[in-house]
Structures are given as structure tokens and as C-alpha cells.
Amino acid sequence: MAEKGNESAKKHTLTVGTRQQIAISGVTEVESFDEQTVILVTDCGELTLEGEGLHIGTLDIARGVVEVTGRLNGAYYSDGAPARRGLRARFFG
């Protein structure tokens, strides 16, 4: 039950508008980004965004806010240690 309390205390949101505008709060670090993959460290774990033509429009780590534009194909979280992901890692290992 205590774990649930910790999760609700974290301030992280992911908002997607028409698959073209992604607003994320609770970001503590931008791990990497390119036009196909954006990897962020958030209050709720590592968040990977995959898509096409992804661009970071707003980046304010002091406030924990990141806005990404482009076509979003997928978003997923992981709690483990950082590992290589994305299309390049799948093809080139």
C-alpha cells in the first residue's frame, strides 16, 4: 500500500494530441533523441517515444517539461537499467 502512495506523489503526465503533439511533465533527464526515438528519464521510470520526424520543441528540465512534435508510433516505460533500444539497436545490435 505504501508503494501506491509513492506513485501518486510523483508528478508525471504524458499527453498526446492527434499523434503529432506530445507533452511530458515530470522529466528529470533527456537520455537521447533523434528523429525516430526520444528517450527520457521521468519520475515514473524511463520513457521511450518512437515515431517519425520527432523533434523536441520545448525542453525545460528545471521545470521537468518536454514537448515533442512529430508522428508518434509508440510510447513505453521501463524501470530497469538503461539499455539500447529503438530501430538502430534492433538492426545493429
Protein backbone atom coordinates (compact mmCIF):
# COMPACT_ATOMS: atom_id res chain seq x y z
CA MET A 1 0.00 0.00 0.00
CA ALA A 2 2.90 2.37 0.71
CA GLU A 3 4.14 1.87 -2.84
CA LYS A 4 0.84 3.16 -4.20
CA GLY A 5 1.23 6.30 -2.12
CA ASN A 6 4.67 6.93 -3.60
CA GLU A 7 3.34 6.59 -7.15
CA SER A 8 0.56 9.11 -6.55
CA ALA A 9 3.06 11.59 -5.06
CA LYS A 10 5.05 11.62 -8.31
CA LYS A 11 4.08 14.36 -10.73
CA HIS A 12 4.36 12.91 -14.21
CA THR A 13 1.98 13.27 -17.13
CA LEU A 14 2.07 12.19 -20.75
CA THR A 15 -0.39 13.96 -23.05
CA VAL A 16 -0.72 13.11 -26.74
CA GLY A 17 -2.70 15.28 -29.12
CA THR A 18 -3.56 13.84 -32.54
CA ARG A 19 -0.36 11.75 -32.51
CA GLN A 20 1.54 14.90 -33.52
CA GLN A 21 2.00 16.79 -30.23
CA ILE A 22 3.37 15.11 -27.11
CA ALA A 23 3.67 16.98 -23.80
CA ILE A 24 5.51 15.32 -20.92
CA SER A 25 5.95 16.59 -17.37
CA GLY A 26 8.00 15.08 -14.57
CA VAL A 27 11.08 14.71 -16.80
CA THR A 28 14.39 14.62 -14.96
CA GLU A 29 16.75 13.93 -17.88
CA VAL A 30 16.85 13.60 -21.66
CA GLU A 31 18.92 10.49 -22.26
CA SER A 32 18.99 10.60 -26.07
CA PHE A 33 16.99 11.69 -29.07
CA ASP A 34 16.87 11.59 -32.84
CA GLU A 35 14.09 11.74 -35.43
CA GLN A 36 12.91 8.17 -34.65
CA THR A 37 13.44 7.82 -30.90
CA VAL A 38 13.34 10.07 -27.83
CA ILE A 39 14.42 8.53 -24.50
CA LEU A 40 13.55 10.44 -21.34
CA VAL A 41 14.03 9.70 -17.65
CA THR A 42 10.85 10.62 -15.76
CA ASP A 43 9.60 10.43 -12.19
CA CYS A 44 7.88 7.15 -13.17
CA GLY A 45 10.77 5.46 -14.99
CA GLU A 46 12.43 5.63 -18.38
CA LEU A 47 10.05 6.68 -21.18
CA THR A 48 10.81 5.85 -24.80
CA LEU A 49 8.91 7.55 -27.61
CA GLU A 50 9.17 6.05 -31.08
CA GLY A 51 7.92 7.65 -34.26
CA GLU A 52 8.80 9.59 -37.38
CA GLY A 53 10.14 13.12 -37.65
CA LEU A 54 10.33 13.59 -33.88
CA HIS A 55 11.61 16.98 -32.74
CA ILE A 56 11.97 18.43 -29.26
CA GLY A 57 10.21 21.80 -29.34
CA THR A 58 10.29 22.71 -25.65
CA LEU A 59 12.94 21.50 -23.23
CA ASP A 60 12.84 22.84 -19.67
CA ILE A 61 14.49 20.32 -17.36
CA ALA A 62 14.36 22.80 -14.45
CA ARG A 63 10.54 22.59 -14.63
CA GLY A 64 10.59 18.97 -15.85
CA VAL A 65 8.72 19.79 -19.07
CA VAL A 66 9.41 18.45 -22.56
CA GLU A 67 7.27 18.89 -25.68
CA VAL A 68 7.86 16.74 -28.74
CA THR A 69 6.33 17.11 -32.20
CA GLY A 70 6.20 14.55 -34.99
CA ARG A 71 4.27 11.35 -35.69
CA LEU A 72 4.13 9.18 -32.57
CA ASN A 73 4.05 5.44 -33.24
CA GLY A 74 4.59 4.17 -29.71
CA ALA A 75 5.45 5.06 -26.13
CA TYR A 76 6.62 2.70 -23.43
CA TYR A 77 8.12 2.76 -19.96
CA SER A 78 10.86 0.65 -18.42
CA ASP A 79 12.07 0.59 -14.86
CA GLY A 80 15.29 -1.34 -15.44
CA ALA A 81 18.79 -0.19 -16.17
CA PRO A 82 19.20 1.83 -19.36
CA ALA A 83 19.62 -0.40 -22.39
CA ARG A 84 19.94 0.24 -26.11
CA ARG A 85 16.54 0.34 -27.75
CA GLY A 86 14.94 1.58 -30.92
CA LEU A 87 15.30 0.70 -34.54
CA ARG A 88 19.04 1.12 -34.73
CA ALA A 89 19.61 -1.19 -31.78
CA ARG A 90 17.27 -3.78 -33.25
CA PHE A 91 19.07 -3.80 -36.58
CA PHE A 92 22.64 -3.24 -35.47
CA GLY A 93 22.56 -4.94 -32.12
